[in-house]
Amino acid sequence: MSKATRATTMLVRPGIAFTLHSYAYDPDTESTGLQAAEALGEDPGRVLKTLMALVDGKPACVIVPSDHEVAMKKLAAAFDGKSAQMMKPADAERITGYKVGGISPFGQMRKVPAAIEEKALAHALVYVNGGQRGLQVRLAPRDIVALLDARVCAVVA
């Protein structure tokens, strides 16, 4: 597994402090985020999942703790929209350039607006996908906000 991805390159350029963590990715798992948390021995609230959604038909990236689900009305409101829905996997792969299960909020092919669940900022360090299945990066959530210019809001059910 290569440790250099578009995601890690995006973190290295501005000098963001992060560490890499690999785990055995299970393609048959129901929840990649929960599987990553278990494999890393971490609290699922610290392992964030990156989801791609459509808000009023426009792409958006939403980052939430792996043990929570996105509330679509809250997500729409976070982007001043009327409706939100999860993006189809094939569309998410096309827009991000990553495979489902390896979608990182960093280094996506197309820059889209991002939101991060406010609960994630309660932790000093969190994990997000590093741009490859089975690869997580651990970093400060405030660095995620700064690098993505992400909206911090309540988007989970």
N, C-alpha and C. Protein backbone atom coordinates (compact mmCIF):
# COMPACT_ATOMS: atom_id res chain seq x y z
N MET A 1 0.85 -1.18 0.00
CA MET A 1 0.00 0.00 0.00
C MET A 1 0.89 1.24 0.00
N SER A 2 0.62 2.11 -0.92
CA SER A 2 1.38 3.36 -1.00
C SER A 2 0.91 4.32 0.08
N LYS A 3 1.84 4.99 0.71
CA LYS A 3 1.50 5.95 1.76
C LYS A 3 1.35 7.36 1.18
N ALA A 4 1.78 7.55 -0.06
CA ALA A 4 1.65 8.86 -0.70
C ALA A 4 0.39 8.84 -1.57
N THR A 5 -0.56 9.67 -1.20
CA THR A 5 -1.81 9.79 -1.95
C THR A 5 -2.05 11.28 -2.20
N ARG A 6 -3.04 11.59 -3.00
CA ARG A 6 -3.38 13.01 -3.19
C ARG A 6 -3.74 13.64 -1.85
N ALA A 7 -4.37 12.86 -0.97
CA ALA A 7 -4.77 13.37 0.35
C ALA A 7 -3.54 13.72 1.19
N THR A 8 -2.58 12.81 1.27
CA THR A 8 -1.41 13.08 2.09
C THR A 8 -0.57 14.21 1.49
N THR A 9 -0.52 14.29 0.18
CA THR A 9 0.19 15.39 -0.47
C THR A 9 -0.45 16.73 -0.11
N MET A 10 -1.78 16.77 -0.06
CA MET A 10 -2.48 18.01 0.30
C MET A 10 -2.18 18.41 1.74
N LEU A 11 -1.90 17.44 2.61
CA LEU A 11 -1.55 17.74 4.00
C LEU A 11 -0.09 18.16 4.16
N VAL A 12 0.79 17.57 3.36
CA VAL A 12 2.22 17.87 3.46
C VAL A 12 2.53 19.29 2.99
N ARG A 13 1.93 19.70 1.88
CA ARG A 13 2.24 21.01 1.29
C ARG A 13 2.18 22.16 2.29
N PRO A 14 1.07 22.34 3.05
CA PRO A 14 1.01 23.45 4.00
C PRO A 14 1.63 23.14 5.36
N GLY A 15 2.21 21.93 5.50
CA GLY A 15 2.87 21.57 6.75
C GLY A 15 1.93 21.13 7.86
N ILE A 16 0.81 20.52 7.51
CA ILE A 16 -0.14 20.01 8.50
C ILE A 16 0.48 18.80 9.20
N ALA A 17 0.43 18.79 10.53
CA ALA A 17 0.95 17.66 11.29
C ALA A 17 -0.06 16.51 11.25
N PHE A 18 0.40 15.33 10.84
CA PHE A 18 -0.47 14.16 10.80
C PHE A 18 0.37 12.90 10.90
N THR A 19 -0.29 11.81 11.27
CA THR A 19 0.36 10.50 11.26
C THR A 19 -0.50 9.55 10.44
N LEU A 20 0.14 8.58 9.82
CA LEU A 20 -0.54 7.59 8.99
C LEU A 20 -0.79 6.32 9.78
N HIS A 21 -1.96 5.72 9.54
CA HIS A 21 -2.33 4.49 10.23
C HIS A 21 -3.00 3.55 9.23
N SER A 22 -2.40 2.37 9.04
CA SER A 22 -2.94 1.37 8.12
C SER A 22 -3.71 0.31 8.89
N TYR A 23 -4.68 -0.28 8.23
CA TYR A 23 -5.42 -1.39 8.80
C TYR A 23 -5.88 -2.28 7.65
N ALA A 24 -6.29 -3.50 7.98
CA ALA A 24 -6.76 -4.45 6.98
C ALA A 24 -8.19 -4.09 6.60
N TYR A 25 -8.36 -3.51 5.44
CA TYR A 25 -9.68 -3.09 4.95
C TYR A 25 -10.50 -4.32 4.57
N ASP A 26 -11.75 -4.33 5.01
CA ASP A 26 -12.67 -5.43 4.70
C ASP A 26 -13.71 -4.92 3.69
N PRO A 27 -13.64 -5.34 2.43
CA PRO A 27 -14.58 -4.84 1.42
C PRO A 27 -16.03 -5.27 1.67
N ASP A 28 -16.23 -6.25 2.53
CA ASP A 28 -17.59 -6.74 2.80
C ASP A 28 -18.22 -6.12 4.04
N THR A 29 -17.51 -5.19 4.68
CA THR A 29 -18.04 -4.59 5.89
C THR A 29 -19.24 -3.70 5.58
N GLU A 30 -20.14 -3.63 6.54
CA GLU A 30 -21.32 -2.77 6.37
C GLU A 30 -20.97 -1.31 6.57
N SER A 31 -20.01 -1.03 7.46
CA SER A 31 -19.61 0.34 7.77
C SER A 31 -18.09 0.44 7.79
N THR A 32 -17.53 1.08 6.77
CA THR A 32 -16.08 1.23 6.67
C THR A 32 -15.54 1.99 7.87
N GLY A 33 -16.24 3.05 8.29
CA GLY A 33 -15.77 3.85 9.42
C GLY A 33 -15.71 3.07 10.71
N LEU A 34 -16.76 2.30 10.99
CA LEU A 34 -16.77 1.48 12.21
C LEU A 34 -15.73 0.38 12.15
N GLN A 35 -15.54 -0.19 10.96
CA GLN A 35 -14.52 -1.22 10.80
C GLN A 35 -13.13 -0.63 11.04
N ALA A 36 -12.90 0.58 10.53
CA ALA A 36 -11.61 1.25 10.74
C ALA A 36 -11.39 1.53 12.22
N ALA A 37 -12.42 2.02 12.91
CA ALA A 37 -12.30 2.31 14.34
C ALA A 37 -11.94 1.05 15.12
N GLU A 38 -12.62 -0.04 14.82
CA GLU A 38 -12.35 -1.30 15.50
C GLU A 38 -10.93 -1.78 15.21
N ALA A 39 -10.53 -1.74 13.95
CA ALA A 39 -9.20 -2.21 13.57
C ALA A 39 -8.09 -1.36 14.20
N LEU A 40 -8.35 -0.08 14.38
CA LEU A 40 -7.36 0.81 14.97
C LEU A 40 -7.44 0.85 16.49
N GLY A 41 -8.48 0.22 17.06
CA GLY A 41 -8.66 0.24 18.51
C GLY A 41 -9.03 1.61 19.02
N GLU A 42 -9.78 2.35 18.22
CA GLU A 42 -10.16 3.73 18.56
C GLU A 42 -11.65 3.86 18.81
N ASP A 43 -12.01 4.88 19.56
CA ASP A 43 -13.40 5.25 19.78
C ASP A 43 -14.00 5.64 18.43
N PRO A 44 -15.16 5.08 18.03
CA PRO A 44 -15.77 5.42 16.75
C PRO A 44 -16.08 6.92 16.60
N GLY A 45 -16.21 7.64 17.70
CA GLY A 45 -16.43 9.08 17.64
C GLY A 45 -15.22 9.85 17.18
N ARG A 46 -14.04 9.23 17.26
CA ARG A 46 -12.80 9.88 16.81
C ARG A 46 -12.43 9.49 15.39
N VAL A 47 -13.07 8.46 14.86
CA VAL A 47 -12.80 8.02 13.49
C VAL A 47 -13.94 8.56 12.62
N LEU A 48 -13.60 9.52 11.79
CA LEU A 48 -14.61 10.22 11.00
C LEU A 48 -14.75 9.58 9.63
N LYS A 49 -16.00 9.57 9.15
CA LYS A 49 -16.23 9.07 7.80
C LYS A 49 -16.50 10.26 6.88
N THR A 50 -16.04 10.11 5.66
CA THR A 50 -16.21 11.14 4.64
C THR A 50 -17.31 10.68 3.71
N LEU A 51 -18.37 11.44 3.64
CA LEU A 51 -19.52 11.11 2.80
C LEU A 51 -19.72 12.18 1.76
N MET A 52 -20.18 11.77 0.61
CA MET A 52 -20.48 12.71 -0.46
C MET A 52 -22.00 12.79 -0.61
N ALA A 53 -22.50 14.00 -0.68
CA ALA A 53 -23.93 14.22 -0.75
C ALA A 53 -24.25 15.23 -1.84
N LEU A 54 -25.53 15.36 -2.10
CA LEU A 54 -26.04 16.39 -3.00
C LEU A 54 -26.96 17.28 -2.18
N VAL A 55 -26.68 18.57 -2.19
CA VAL A 55 -27.54 19.55 -1.54
C VAL A 55 -28.13 20.42 -2.64
N ASP A 56 -29.43 20.35 -2.77
CA ASP A 56 -30.12 21.03 -3.87
C ASP A 56 -29.47 20.68 -5.21
N GLY A 57 -29.06 19.41 -5.34
CA GLY A 57 -28.48 18.91 -6.58
C GLY A 57 -27.01 19.20 -6.79
N LYS A 58 -26.37 19.90 -5.83
CA LYS A 58 -24.96 20.25 -5.96
C LYS A 58 -24.12 19.41 -4.99
N PRO A 59 -22.92 18.97 -5.42
CA PRO A 59 -22.08 18.12 -4.58
C PRO A 59 -21.62 18.83 -3.31
N ALA A 60 -21.53 18.05 -2.23
CA ALA A 60 -21.00 18.53 -0.96
C ALA A 60 -20.32 17.37 -0.25
N CYS A 61 -19.32 17.69 0.53
CA CYS A 61 -18.60 16.70 1.32
C CYS A 61 -19.00 16.91 2.78
N VAL A 62 -19.32 15.83 3.46
CA VAL A 62 -19.70 15.92 4.87
C VAL A 62 -18.88 14.91 5.67
N ILE A 63 -18.31 15.38 6.78
CA ILE A 63 -17.41 14.58 7.59
C ILE A 63 -18.04 14.43 8.98
N VAL A 64 -18.33 13.18 9.35
CA VAL A 64 -19.04 12.92 10.59
C VAL A 64 -18.41 11.73 11.33
N PRO A 65 -18.61 11.65 12.65
CA PRO A 65 -18.12 10.49 13.39
C PRO A 65 -18.72 9.20 12.81
N SER A 66 -17.91 8.15 12.78
CA SER A 66 -18.32 6.91 12.12
C SER A 66 -19.49 6.22 12.81
N ASP A 67 -19.79 6.59 14.06
CA ASP A 67 -20.90 5.97 14.76
C ASP A 67 -22.18 6.80 14.69
N HIS A 68 -22.24 7.75 13.77
CA HIS A 68 -23.42 8.59 13.59
C HIS A 68 -23.89 8.58 12.14
N GLU A 69 -25.14 8.92 11.95
CA GLU A 69 -25.71 9.05 10.61
C GLU A 69 -25.99 10.53 10.35
N VAL A 70 -25.93 10.91 9.10
CA VAL A 70 -26.22 12.29 8.71
C VAL A 70 -27.73 12.52 8.71
N ALA A 71 -28.14 13.63 9.27
CA ALA A 71 -29.54 14.06 9.21
C ALA A 71 -29.66 14.96 7.97
N MET A 72 -30.40 14.49 6.99
CA MET A 72 -30.46 15.19 5.71
C MET A 72 -30.99 16.62 5.83
N LYS A 73 -31.98 16.85 6.67
CA LYS A 73 -32.49 18.22 6.83
C LYS A 73 -31.43 19.13 7.43
N LYS A 74 -30.68 18.61 8.39
CA LYS A 74 -29.60 19.41 8.99
C LYS A 74 -28.50 19.68 7.98
N LEU A 75 -28.20 18.68 7.15
CA LEU A 75 -27.17 18.86 6.13
C LEU A 75 -27.59 19.92 5.13
N ALA A 76 -28.82 19.85 4.67
CA ALA A 76 -29.33 20.87 3.74
C ALA A 76 -29.23 22.25 4.36
N ALA A 77 -29.64 22.37 5.61
CA ALA A 77 -29.60 23.67 6.29
C ALA A 77 -28.17 24.18 6.44
N ALA A 78 -27.21 23.27 6.65
CA ALA A 78 -25.80 23.67 6.81
C ALA A 78 -25.28 24.38 5.56
N PHE A 79 -25.85 24.04 4.41
CA PHE A 79 -25.42 24.65 3.15
C PHE A 79 -26.48 25.59 2.60
N ASP A 80 -27.38 26.04 3.48
CA ASP A 80 -28.46 26.95 3.09
C ASP A 80 -29.30 26.39 1.95
N GLY A 81 -29.48 25.07 1.97
CA GLY A 81 -30.26 24.40 0.94
C GLY A 81 -31.61 23.95 1.46
N LYS A 82 -32.41 23.42 0.54
CA LYS A 82 -33.74 22.94 0.89
C LYS A 82 -33.79 21.43 1.07
N SER A 83 -32.95 20.70 0.31
CA SER A 83 -32.97 19.25 0.41
C SER A 83 -31.57 18.68 0.22
N ALA A 84 -31.38 17.50 0.79
CA ALA A 84 -30.09 16.82 0.67
C ALA A 84 -30.34 15.33 0.54
N GLN A 85 -29.42 14.68 -0.16
CA GLN A 85 -29.46 13.23 -0.30
C GLN A 85 -28.04 12.74 -0.48
N MET A 86 -27.84 11.47 -0.16
CA MET A 86 -26.51 10.90 -0.35
C MET A 86 -26.25 10.73 -1.85
N MET A 87 -25.01 10.92 -2.24
CA MET A 87 -24.62 10.78 -3.63
C MET A 87 -24.49 9.30 -3.96
N LYS A 88 -24.80 8.92 -5.18
CA LYS A 88 -24.62 7.54 -5.62
C LYS A 88 -23.12 7.23 -5.61
N PRO A 89 -22.75 6.00 -5.22
CA PRO A 89 -21.33 5.65 -5.14
C PRO A 89 -20.53 5.96 -6.41
N ALA A 90 -21.07 5.64 -7.57
CA ALA A 90 -20.33 5.89 -8.82
C ALA A 90 -20.08 7.38 -9.02
N ASP A 91 -21.06 8.21 -8.66
CA ASP A 91 -20.88 9.67 -8.78
C ASP A 91 -19.85 10.17 -7.78
N ALA A 92 -19.87 9.62 -6.56
CA ALA A 92 -18.90 10.01 -5.54
C ALA A 92 -17.49 9.66 -6.00
N GLU A 93 -17.32 8.50 -6.60
CA GLU A 93 -16.00 8.09 -7.09
C GLU A 93 -15.54 9.00 -8.23
N ARG A 94 -16.45 9.35 -9.12
CA ARG A 94 -16.09 10.21 -10.25
C ARG A 94 -15.69 11.60 -9.78
N ILE A 95 -16.43 12.17 -8.86
CA ILE A 95 -16.17 13.54 -8.40
C ILE A 95 -14.92 13.62 -7.52
N THR A 96 -14.71 12.60 -6.67
CA THR A 96 -13.57 12.65 -5.76
C THR A 96 -12.29 12.07 -6.35
N GLY A 97 -12.44 11.13 -7.26
CA GLY A 97 -11.27 10.43 -7.78
C GLY A 97 -10.80 9.31 -6.88
N TYR A 98 -11.58 9.01 -5.85
CA TYR A 98 -11.27 7.94 -4.91
C TYR A 98 -12.32 6.85 -5.01
N LYS A 99 -11.94 5.64 -4.61
CA LYS A 99 -12.89 4.52 -4.54
C LYS A 99 -13.69 4.62 -3.24
N VAL A 100 -14.96 4.24 -3.28
CA VAL A 100 -15.77 4.18 -2.07
C VAL A 100 -15.05 3.28 -1.06
N GLY A 101 -14.99 3.71 0.17
CA GLY A 101 -14.21 3.01 1.20
C GLY A 101 -12.84 3.62 1.36
N GLY A 102 -12.47 4.48 0.41
CA GLY A 102 -11.18 5.16 0.45
C GLY A 102 -11.31 6.64 0.13
N ILE A 103 -12.53 7.18 0.27
CA ILE A 103 -12.75 8.60 -0.05
C ILE A 103 -12.24 9.47 1.09
N SER A 104 -11.33 10.34 0.76
CA SER A 104 -10.77 11.29 1.72
C SER A 104 -11.38 12.66 1.45
N PRO A 105 -11.50 13.49 2.49
CA PRO A 105 -11.96 14.85 2.24
C PRO A 105 -10.86 15.69 1.58
N PHE A 106 -9.64 15.20 1.59
CA PHE A 106 -8.50 15.94 1.05
C PHE A 106 -8.11 15.42 -0.33
N GLY A 107 -7.71 16.33 -1.21
CA GLY A 107 -7.18 15.94 -2.52
C GLY A 107 -8.21 15.40 -3.48
N GLN A 108 -9.46 15.78 -3.31
CA GLN A 108 -10.49 15.33 -4.24
C GLN A 108 -10.27 15.98 -5.61
N MET A 109 -10.73 15.31 -6.64
CA MET A 109 -10.55 15.80 -8.01
C MET A 109 -11.23 17.14 -8.24
N ARG A 110 -12.35 17.33 -7.56
CA ARG A 110 -13.12 18.56 -7.69
C ARG A 110 -13.30 19.15 -6.30
N LYS A 111 -13.01 20.43 -6.15
CA LYS A 111 -13.22 21.07 -4.85
C LYS A 111 -14.71 21.32 -4.68
N VAL A 112 -15.25 20.78 -3.58
CA VAL A 112 -16.66 20.97 -3.26
C VAL A 112 -16.76 21.52 -1.85
N PRO A 113 -17.84 22.20 -1.52
CA PRO A 113 -17.99 22.70 -0.16
C PRO A 113 -18.03 21.53 0.83
N ALA A 114 -17.49 21.79 2.03
CA ALA A 114 -17.41 20.74 3.04
C ALA A 114 -18.02 21.21 4.35
N ALA A 115 -18.57 20.24 5.09
CA ALA A 115 -19.08 20.48 6.43
C ALA A 115 -18.53 19.39 7.34
N ILE A 116 -18.23 19.75 8.57
CA ILE A 116 -17.77 18.77 9.55
C ILE A 116 -18.68 18.87 10.78
N GLU A 117 -19.05 17.72 11.29
CA GLU A 117 -19.89 17.66 12.47
C GLU A 117 -19.17 18.33 13.64
N GLU A 118 -19.86 19.22 14.33
CA GLU A 118 -19.25 19.97 15.42
C GLU A 118 -18.74 19.07 16.55
N LYS A 119 -19.35 17.91 16.75
CA LYS A 119 -18.90 16.97 17.80
C LYS A 119 -17.45 16.53 17.57
N ALA A 120 -17.01 16.52 16.32
CA ALA A 120 -15.64 16.08 16.01
C ALA A 120 -14.61 17.03 16.61
N LEU A 121 -14.97 18.29 16.79
CA LEU A 121 -14.02 19.26 17.31
C LEU A 121 -13.81 19.14 18.81
N ALA A 122 -14.54 18.26 19.47
CA ALA A 122 -14.36 18.02 20.90
C ALA A 122 -13.09 17.19 21.16
N HIS A 123 -12.54 16.59 20.12
CA HIS A 123 -11.35 15.73 20.25
C HIS A 123 -10.10 16.49 19.83
N ALA A 124 -8.99 16.22 20.51
CA ALA A 124 -7.72 16.84 20.13
C ALA A 124 -7.23 16.31 18.79
N LEU A 125 -7.44 15.01 18.56
CA LEU A 125 -7.02 14.36 17.32
C LEU A 125 -8.13 13.45 16.84
N VAL A 126 -8.32 13.39 15.53
CA VAL A 126 -9.30 12.52 14.91
C VAL A 126 -8.65 11.81 13.72
N TYR A 127 -9.35 10.81 13.21
CA TYR A 127 -8.88 10.07 12.04
C TYR A 127 -9.83 10.34 10.88
N VAL A 128 -9.28 10.50 9.69
CA VAL A 128 -10.07 10.55 8.46
C VAL A 128 -9.35 9.71 7.42
N ASN A 129 -10.07 9.34 6.39
CA ASN A 129 -9.48 8.50 5.35
C ASN A 129 -8.32 9.23 4.69
N GLY A 130 -7.28 8.48 4.41
CA GLY A 130 -6.07 9.04 3.80
C GLY A 130 -6.03 8.92 2.29
N GLY A 131 -7.16 8.56 1.67
CA GLY A 131 -7.20 8.51 0.21
C GLY A 131 -6.98 7.13 -0.37
N GLN A 132 -7.06 6.11 0.50
CA GLN A 132 -6.89 4.73 0.08
C GLN A 132 -7.65 3.85 1.05
N ARG A 133 -8.22 2.80 0.55
CA ARG A 133 -8.87 1.85 1.45
C ARG A 133 -7.82 1.29 2.41
N GLY A 134 -8.13 1.32 3.70
CA GLY A 134 -7.21 0.81 4.70
C GLY A 134 -6.15 1.79 5.16
N LEU A 135 -6.30 3.07 4.82
CA LEU A 135 -5.32 4.08 5.22
C LEU A 135 -6.05 5.25 5.88
N GLN A 136 -5.69 5.54 7.12
CA GLN A 136 -6.27 6.67 7.85
C GLN A 136 -5.16 7.65 8.19
N VAL A 137 -5.52 8.93 8.26
CA VAL A 137 -4.59 9.94 8.77
C VAL A 137 -5.17 10.47 10.08
N ARG A 138 -4.30 10.66 11.05
CA ARG A 138 -4.71 11.23 12.34
C ARG A 138 -4.18 12.65 12.41
N LEU A 139 -5.07 13.58 12.69
CA LEU A 139 -4.71 14.99 12.73
C LEU A 139 -5.70 15.75 13.61
N ALA A 140 -5.39 17.00 13.86
CA ALA A 140 -6.28 17.85 14.65
C ALA A 140 -7.49 18.23 13.80
N PRO A 141 -8.69 18.15 14.37
CA PRO A 141 -9.88 18.50 13.58
C PRO A 141 -9.88 19.95 13.12
N ARG A 142 -9.24 20.84 13.87
CA ARG A 142 -9.18 22.25 13.45
C ARG A 142 -8.38 22.40 12.14
N ASP A 143 -7.42 21.46 11.91
CA ASP A 143 -6.67 21.48 10.66
C ASP A 143 -7.56 21.06 9.48
N ILE A 144 -8.49 20.14 9.74
CA ILE A 144 -9.44 19.75 8.70
C ILE A 144 -10.28 20.97 8.31
N VAL A 145 -10.79 21.67 9.32
CA VAL A 145 -11.62 22.85 9.09
C VAL A 145 -10.84 23.89 8.29
N ALA A 146 -9.62 24.17 8.71
CA ALA A 146 -8.82 25.20 8.04
C ALA A 146 -8.47 24.83 6.61
N LEU A 147 -8.03 23.60 6.41
CA LEU A 147 -7.58 23.18 5.08
C LEU A 147 -8.73 23.11 4.07
N LEU A 148 -9.90 22.69 4.54
CA LEU A 148 -11.05 22.56 3.63
C LEU A 148 -11.97 23.78 3.64
N ASP A 149 -11.67 24.73 4.53
CA ASP A 149 -12.58 25.85 4.76
C ASP A 149 -13.99 25.31 5.03
N ALA A 150 -14.01 24.28 5.90
CA ALA A 150 -15.26 23.54 6.17
C ALA A 150 -16.16 24.30 7.13
N ARG A 151 -17.44 24.12 6.94
CA ARG A 151 -18.43 24.65 7.87
C ARG A 151 -18.51 23.69 9.06
N VAL A 152 -18.48 24.25 10.25
CA VAL A 152 -18.63 23.45 11.46
C VAL A 152 -20.08 23.57 11.90
N CYS A 153 -20.78 22.45 11.93
CA CYS A 153 -22.20 22.51 12.26
C CYS A 153 -22.70 21.16 12.72
N ALA A 154 -23.91 21.16 13.27
CA ALA A 154 -24.55 19.92 13.71
C ALA A 154 -25.27 19.31 12.52
N VAL A 155 -24.75 18.19 12.02
CA VAL A 155 -25.36 17.55 10.85
C VAL A 155 -25.74 16.09 11.09
N VAL A 156 -25.56 15.61 12.33
CA VAL A 156 -25.91 14.22 12.60
C VAL A 156 -27.27 14.12 13.26
N ALA A 157 -27.88 12.93 13.08
CA ALA A 157 -29.21 12.68 13.65
C ALA A 157 -29.13 12.53 15.14
